[in-house]
Amino acid sequence: MSTKEEQEKIELLQGTLDLLILRTLQLGPLHGHAIAKAIEYRSDEVLQVEQGSLYPALHRLIKRRWISVEEGTSENNRRAKFYALTALGKKQLRIETSKWEKLAAAIAQILRPADEEGR
């Protein structure tokens, strides 16, 4: 990775990856590689999900019963684990989305230039 790419890489806040995985699985079951690629694609390649982060997050979400896992065959005709959002995961997605929206609004408020604060 070049220096420019390293400077442009955005680190995810703790828990953000969980939210992104839940949101991605809202569209339907996917295998791990497809989840990572969907997040990258939907973020216009700004967010890069490394396997070292993705799979621990998937295991954490399974443990919390927010997602389930089933063996299947990928589009390349290979065995793969497919992850799906559970009913509990759908509920948690709504909670996490609300928390993220509040956090983003609070940060945006702090970052707003001082001359706009009186408005």
N, C-alpha and C. Protein backbone atom coordinates (compact mmCIF):
# COMPACT_ATOMS: atom_id res chain seq x y z
N MET A 1 0.85 -1.18 0.00
CA MET A 1 0.00 0.00 0.00
C MET A 1 0.90 1.24 0.00
N SER A 2 0.58 2.19 -0.83
CA SER A 2 1.40 3.39 -0.91
C SER A 2 1.10 4.33 0.25
N THR A 3 1.99 5.33 0.43
CA THR A 3 1.80 6.30 1.51
C THR A 3 0.48 7.05 1.33
N LYS A 4 0.18 7.45 0.09
CA LYS A 4 -1.08 8.16 -0.16
C LYS A 4 -2.28 7.30 0.23
N GLU A 5 -2.24 6.01 -0.14
CA GLU A 5 -3.34 5.12 0.22
C GLU A 5 -3.45 4.97 1.72
N GLU A 6 -2.31 4.91 2.41
CA GLU A 6 -2.33 4.81 3.87
C GLU A 6 -2.95 6.05 4.49
N GLN A 7 -2.67 7.21 3.93
CA GLN A 7 -3.22 8.46 4.46
C GLN A 7 -4.71 8.55 4.23
N GLU A 8 -5.20 7.97 3.13
CA GLU A 8 -6.62 8.05 2.80
C GLU A 8 -7.44 6.96 3.48
N LYS A 9 -6.80 5.95 4.01
CA LYS A 9 -7.50 4.85 4.67
C LYS A 9 -8.18 5.37 5.93
N ILE A 10 -9.41 4.98 6.11
CA ILE A 10 -10.19 5.43 7.25
C ILE A 10 -10.36 4.27 8.23
N GLU A 11 -9.94 4.48 9.46
CA GLU A 11 -10.12 3.46 10.49
C GLU A 11 -11.56 3.52 10.99
N LEU A 12 -12.17 2.37 11.17
CA LEU A 12 -13.54 2.31 11.67
C LEU A 12 -13.55 2.39 13.19
N LEU A 13 -14.52 3.12 13.72
CA LEU A 13 -14.71 3.15 15.17
C LEU A 13 -15.16 1.78 15.65
N GLN A 14 -14.80 1.47 16.89
CA GLN A 14 -15.22 0.19 17.46
C GLN A 14 -16.75 0.07 17.37
N GLY A 15 -17.22 -1.07 16.89
CA GLY A 15 -18.65 -1.30 16.77
C GLY A 15 -19.22 -0.89 15.41
N THR A 16 -18.49 -0.06 14.67
CA THR A 16 -18.98 0.39 13.38
C THR A 16 -19.04 -0.76 12.39
N LEU A 17 -18.04 -1.62 12.41
CA LEU A 17 -18.03 -2.76 11.49
C LEU A 17 -19.25 -3.65 11.74
N ASP A 18 -19.59 -3.85 13.01
CA ASP A 18 -20.78 -4.66 13.34
C ASP A 18 -22.02 -4.06 12.67
N LEU A 19 -22.17 -2.76 12.78
CA LEU A 19 -23.32 -2.07 12.18
C LEU A 19 -23.31 -2.25 10.66
N LEU A 20 -22.15 -2.10 10.04
CA LEU A 20 -22.05 -2.23 8.58
C LEU A 20 -22.37 -3.65 8.13
N ILE A 21 -21.93 -4.63 8.89
CA ILE A 21 -22.25 -6.03 8.56
C ILE A 21 -23.74 -6.27 8.68
N LEU A 22 -24.35 -5.83 9.78
CA LEU A 22 -25.79 -6.01 9.96
C LEU A 22 -26.56 -5.36 8.81
N ARG A 23 -26.17 -4.14 8.45
CA ARG A 23 -26.86 -3.42 7.37
C ARG A 23 -26.69 -4.15 6.04
N THR A 24 -25.50 -4.66 5.79
CA THR A 24 -25.24 -5.37 4.54
C THR A 24 -26.07 -6.64 4.46
N LEU A 25 -26.19 -7.35 5.58
CA LEU A 25 -26.96 -8.60 5.59
C LEU A 25 -28.46 -8.36 5.55
N GLN A 26 -28.89 -7.13 5.73
CA GLN A 26 -30.31 -6.81 5.62
C GLN A 26 -30.80 -7.12 4.19
N LEU A 27 -29.89 -7.07 3.25
CA LEU A 27 -30.24 -7.33 1.85
C LEU A 27 -30.36 -8.81 1.54
N GLY A 28 -29.88 -9.67 2.45
CA GLY A 28 -29.96 -11.12 2.25
C GLY A 28 -28.67 -11.79 2.66
N PRO A 29 -28.67 -13.12 2.76
CA PRO A 29 -27.49 -13.87 3.18
C PRO A 29 -26.31 -13.70 2.22
N LEU A 30 -25.12 -13.62 2.79
CA LEU A 30 -23.89 -13.49 1.99
C LEU A 30 -22.77 -14.25 2.67
N HIS A 31 -21.77 -14.65 1.89
CA HIS A 31 -20.56 -15.23 2.49
C HIS A 31 -19.61 -14.09 2.85
N GLY A 32 -18.60 -14.39 3.65
CA GLY A 32 -17.71 -13.37 4.19
C GLY A 32 -17.09 -12.46 3.15
N HIS A 33 -16.52 -13.04 2.09
CA HIS A 33 -15.88 -12.22 1.06
C HIS A 33 -16.88 -11.27 0.42
N ALA A 34 -18.10 -11.75 0.19
CA ALA A 34 -19.14 -10.90 -0.42
C ALA A 34 -19.55 -9.77 0.51
N ILE A 35 -19.55 -10.02 1.82
CA ILE A 35 -19.87 -8.96 2.79
C ILE A 35 -18.83 -7.86 2.70
N ALA A 36 -17.55 -8.25 2.71
CA ALA A 36 -16.46 -7.27 2.63
C ALA A 36 -16.55 -6.47 1.33
N LYS A 37 -16.77 -7.15 0.23
CA LYS A 37 -16.85 -6.47 -1.07
C LYS A 37 -18.06 -5.53 -1.14
N ALA A 38 -19.18 -5.94 -0.55
CA ALA A 38 -20.38 -5.09 -0.56
C ALA A 38 -20.13 -3.81 0.23
N ILE A 39 -19.46 -3.92 1.37
CA ILE A 39 -19.15 -2.73 2.17
C ILE A 39 -18.21 -1.82 1.40
N GLU A 40 -17.20 -2.39 0.78
CA GLU A 40 -16.26 -1.60 -0.02
C GLU A 40 -16.98 -0.90 -1.17
N TYR A 41 -17.81 -1.65 -1.89
CA TYR A 41 -18.53 -1.10 -3.04
C TYR A 41 -19.48 0.02 -2.62
N ARG A 42 -20.26 -0.23 -1.56
CA ARG A 42 -21.27 0.75 -1.13
C ARG A 42 -20.65 2.00 -0.53
N SER A 43 -19.36 1.92 -0.13
CA SER A 43 -18.67 3.09 0.42
C SER A 43 -17.78 3.75 -0.64
N ASP A 44 -17.99 3.40 -1.90
CA ASP A 44 -17.14 3.91 -2.99
C ASP A 44 -15.67 3.64 -2.73
N GLU A 45 -15.38 2.44 -2.20
CA GLU A 45 -14.03 1.96 -1.94
C GLU A 45 -13.30 2.72 -0.82
N VAL A 46 -14.02 3.55 -0.08
CA VAL A 46 -13.39 4.27 1.03
C VAL A 46 -13.12 3.32 2.20
N LEU A 47 -14.05 2.43 2.47
CA LEU A 47 -13.91 1.49 3.57
C LEU A 47 -13.40 0.15 3.05
N GLN A 48 -12.26 -0.27 3.54
CA GLN A 48 -11.66 -1.55 3.17
C GLN A 48 -11.77 -2.47 4.39
N VAL A 49 -12.42 -3.60 4.24
CA VAL A 49 -12.62 -4.52 5.35
C VAL A 49 -11.61 -5.66 5.23
N GLU A 50 -10.71 -5.72 6.19
CA GLU A 50 -9.68 -6.76 6.20
C GLU A 50 -10.24 -8.03 6.83
N GLN A 51 -9.75 -9.19 6.36
CA GLN A 51 -10.21 -10.46 6.92
C GLN A 51 -9.95 -10.55 8.41
N GLY A 52 -8.85 -9.95 8.86
CA GLY A 52 -8.50 -9.98 10.28
C GLY A 52 -9.48 -9.23 11.14
N SER A 53 -10.29 -8.36 10.54
CA SER A 53 -11.35 -7.64 11.26
C SER A 53 -12.71 -8.27 11.00
N LEU A 54 -12.92 -8.71 9.77
CA LEU A 54 -14.24 -9.23 9.37
C LEU A 54 -14.63 -10.48 10.13
N TYR A 55 -13.77 -11.48 10.12
CA TYR A 55 -14.17 -12.76 10.69
C TYR A 55 -14.34 -12.72 12.21
N PRO A 56 -13.50 -12.01 12.95
CA PRO A 56 -13.81 -11.87 14.39
C PRO A 56 -15.15 -11.16 14.62
N ALA A 57 -15.47 -10.17 13.78
CA ALA A 57 -16.76 -9.48 13.91
C ALA A 57 -17.91 -10.43 13.61
N LEU A 58 -17.77 -11.26 12.59
CA LEU A 58 -18.83 -12.23 12.26
C LEU A 58 -19.03 -13.20 13.42
N HIS A 59 -17.94 -13.68 14.00
CA HIS A 59 -18.05 -14.61 15.14
C HIS A 59 -18.71 -13.92 16.34
N ARG A 60 -18.38 -12.67 16.55
CA ARG A 60 -18.98 -11.90 17.65
C ARG A 60 -20.50 -11.76 17.43
N LEU A 61 -20.90 -11.48 16.20
CA LEU A 61 -22.32 -11.31 15.89
C LEU A 61 -23.08 -12.63 15.99
N ILE A 62 -22.44 -13.73 15.64
CA ILE A 62 -23.06 -15.05 15.80
C ILE A 62 -23.27 -15.33 17.28
N LYS A 63 -22.24 -15.04 18.08
CA LYS A 63 -22.32 -15.28 19.53
C LYS A 63 -23.46 -14.48 20.16
N ARG A 64 -23.69 -13.28 19.65
CA ARG A 64 -24.78 -12.43 20.16
C ARG A 64 -26.14 -12.82 19.57
N ARG A 65 -26.13 -13.78 18.64
CA ARG A 65 -27.34 -14.25 17.96
C ARG A 65 -27.96 -13.18 17.06
N TRP A 66 -27.15 -12.24 16.60
CA TRP A 66 -27.63 -11.21 15.68
C TRP A 66 -27.57 -11.69 14.23
N ILE A 67 -26.71 -12.69 13.98
CA ILE A 67 -26.65 -13.32 12.67
C ILE A 67 -26.56 -14.83 12.86
N SER A 68 -26.93 -15.55 11.81
CA SER A 68 -26.80 -17.00 11.82
C SER A 68 -25.85 -17.39 10.68
N VAL A 69 -25.42 -18.63 10.69
CA VAL A 69 -24.49 -19.10 9.66
C VAL A 69 -24.92 -20.47 9.16
N GLU A 70 -24.80 -20.67 7.85
CA GLU A 70 -25.10 -21.95 7.22
C GLU A 70 -24.05 -22.25 6.16
N GLU A 71 -23.74 -23.52 6.00
CA GLU A 71 -22.83 -23.95 4.94
C GLU A 71 -23.56 -23.88 3.61
N GLY A 72 -22.83 -23.53 2.56
CA GLY A 72 -23.43 -23.46 1.24
C GLY A 72 -22.35 -23.47 0.17
N THR A 73 -22.75 -23.16 -1.05
CA THR A 73 -21.84 -23.12 -2.18
C THR A 73 -21.84 -21.70 -2.75
N SER A 74 -20.63 -21.16 -2.93
CA SER A 74 -20.49 -19.79 -3.44
C SER A 74 -20.71 -19.76 -4.94
N GLU A 75 -20.71 -18.55 -5.49
CA GLU A 75 -20.88 -18.38 -6.93
C GLU A 75 -19.73 -19.01 -7.72
N ASN A 76 -18.59 -19.26 -7.06
CA ASN A 76 -17.44 -19.92 -7.69
C ASN A 76 -17.49 -21.43 -7.49
N ASN A 77 -18.63 -21.93 -7.03
CA ASN A 77 -18.85 -23.35 -6.78
C ASN A 77 -17.91 -23.90 -5.69
N ARG A 78 -17.61 -23.06 -4.71
CA ARG A 78 -16.79 -23.46 -3.57
C ARG A 78 -17.65 -23.49 -2.32
N ARG A 79 -17.23 -24.34 -1.38
CA ARG A 79 -17.93 -24.36 -0.09
C ARG A 79 -17.68 -23.04 0.62
N ALA A 80 -18.72 -22.52 1.23
CA ALA A 80 -18.61 -21.25 1.94
C ALA A 80 -19.63 -21.20 3.06
N LYS A 81 -19.35 -20.35 4.03
CA LYS A 81 -20.32 -20.10 5.09
C LYS A 81 -21.11 -18.86 4.70
N PHE A 82 -22.42 -18.98 4.78
CA PHE A 82 -23.30 -17.86 4.46
C PHE A 82 -23.90 -17.33 5.75
N TYR A 83 -23.83 -16.03 5.90
CA TYR A 83 -24.29 -15.36 7.11
C TYR A 83 -25.60 -14.65 6.80
N ALA A 84 -26.54 -14.72 7.75
CA ALA A 84 -27.86 -14.11 7.56
C ALA A 84 -28.27 -13.38 8.83
N LEU A 85 -29.01 -12.32 8.64
CA LEU A 85 -29.54 -11.52 9.75
C LEU A 85 -30.67 -12.30 10.43
N THR A 86 -30.64 -12.34 11.75
CA THR A 86 -31.72 -12.99 12.52
C THR A 86 -32.75 -11.93 12.92
N ALA A 87 -33.86 -12.36 13.48
CA ALA A 87 -34.87 -11.42 13.97
C ALA A 87 -34.26 -10.51 15.05
N LEU A 88 -33.45 -11.10 15.93
CA LEU A 88 -32.77 -10.31 16.96
C LEU A 88 -31.79 -9.32 16.31
N GLY A 89 -31.15 -9.75 15.24
CA GLY A 89 -30.22 -8.88 14.51
C GLY A 89 -30.94 -7.71 13.85
N LYS A 90 -32.13 -7.95 13.33
CA LYS A 90 -32.91 -6.87 12.71
C LYS A 90 -33.27 -5.81 13.75
N LYS A 91 -33.65 -6.28 14.94
CA LYS A 91 -33.96 -5.35 16.03
C LYS A 91 -32.71 -4.57 16.42
N GLN A 92 -31.59 -5.26 16.53
CA GLN A 92 -30.34 -4.61 16.92
C GLN A 92 -29.88 -3.64 15.85
N LEU A 93 -30.12 -3.94 14.59
CA LEU A 93 -29.76 -3.03 13.51
C LEU A 93 -30.48 -1.69 13.68
N ARG A 94 -31.75 -1.74 14.05
CA ARG A 94 -32.49 -0.48 14.28
C ARG A 94 -31.88 0.29 15.45
N ILE A 95 -31.53 -0.41 16.51
CA ILE A 95 -30.93 0.24 17.69
C ILE A 95 -29.58 0.85 17.33
N GLU A 96 -28.74 0.07 16.67
CA GLU A 96 -27.39 0.54 16.32
C GLU A 96 -27.44 1.69 15.32
N THR A 97 -28.39 1.65 14.38
CA THR A 97 -28.54 2.73 13.41
C THR A 97 -28.92 4.02 14.13
N SER A 98 -29.83 3.95 15.07
CA SER A 98 -30.24 5.11 15.84
C SER A 98 -29.07 5.69 16.63
N LYS A 99 -28.30 4.80 17.27
CA LYS A 99 -27.13 5.26 18.04
C LYS A 99 -26.11 5.93 17.12
N TRP A 100 -25.88 5.34 15.93
CA TRP A 100 -24.92 5.91 14.99
C TRP A 100 -25.40 7.29 14.51
N GLU A 101 -26.68 7.42 14.20
CA GLU A 101 -27.20 8.71 13.73
C GLU A 101 -27.04 9.79 14.80
N LYS A 102 -27.26 9.45 16.08
CA LYS A 102 -27.07 10.41 17.17
C LYS A 102 -25.61 10.79 17.31
N LEU A 103 -24.72 9.81 17.22
CA LEU A 103 -23.28 10.07 17.31
C LEU A 103 -22.82 10.97 16.16
N ALA A 104 -23.24 10.63 14.93
CA ALA A 104 -22.84 11.42 13.76
C ALA A 104 -23.35 12.86 13.86
N ALA A 105 -24.57 13.04 14.34
CA ALA A 105 -25.13 14.39 14.50
C ALA A 105 -24.35 15.17 15.55
N ALA A 106 -23.98 14.52 16.65
CA ALA A 106 -23.21 15.20 17.70
C ALA A 106 -21.83 15.61 17.19
N ILE A 107 -21.18 14.73 16.45
CA ILE A 107 -19.86 15.06 15.90
C ILE A 107 -19.98 16.18 14.88
N ALA A 108 -20.98 16.12 14.03
CA ALA A 108 -21.19 17.17 13.03
C ALA A 108 -21.42 18.51 13.70
N GLN A 109 -22.15 18.50 14.80
CA GLN A 109 -22.41 19.73 15.53
C GLN A 109 -21.11 20.33 16.07
N ILE A 110 -20.24 19.50 16.59
CA ILE A 110 -18.97 19.97 17.12
C ILE A 110 -18.06 20.47 16.00
N LEU A 111 -18.09 19.83 14.85
CA LEU A 111 -17.22 20.20 13.74
C LEU A 111 -17.71 21.42 12.97
N ARG A 112 -18.96 21.80 13.19
CA ARG A 112 -19.52 22.94 12.48
C ARG A 112 -18.70 24.19 12.80
N PRO A 113 -18.37 25.00 11.79
CA PRO A 113 -17.58 26.22 12.05
C PRO A 113 -18.27 27.12 13.09
N ALA A 114 -17.44 27.85 13.85
CA ALA A 114 -17.95 28.70 14.94
C ALA A 114 -18.94 29.74 14.46
N ASP A 115 -18.77 30.28 13.25
CA ASP A 115 -19.69 31.31 12.78
C ASP A 115 -21.08 30.75 12.48
N GLU A 116 -21.23 29.45 12.39
CA GLU A 116 -22.54 28.85 12.16
C GLU A 116 -23.23 28.45 13.47
N GLU A 117 -22.51 28.50 14.57
CA GLU A 117 -23.06 28.00 15.83
C GLU A 117 -24.27 28.78 16.33
N GLY A 118 -24.39 30.04 16.00
CA GLY A 118 -25.51 30.84 16.47
C GLY A 118 -26.80 30.58 15.73
N ARG A 119 -26.73 29.83 14.66
CA ARG A 119 -27.94 29.60 13.84
C ARG A 119 -28.82 28.52 14.37
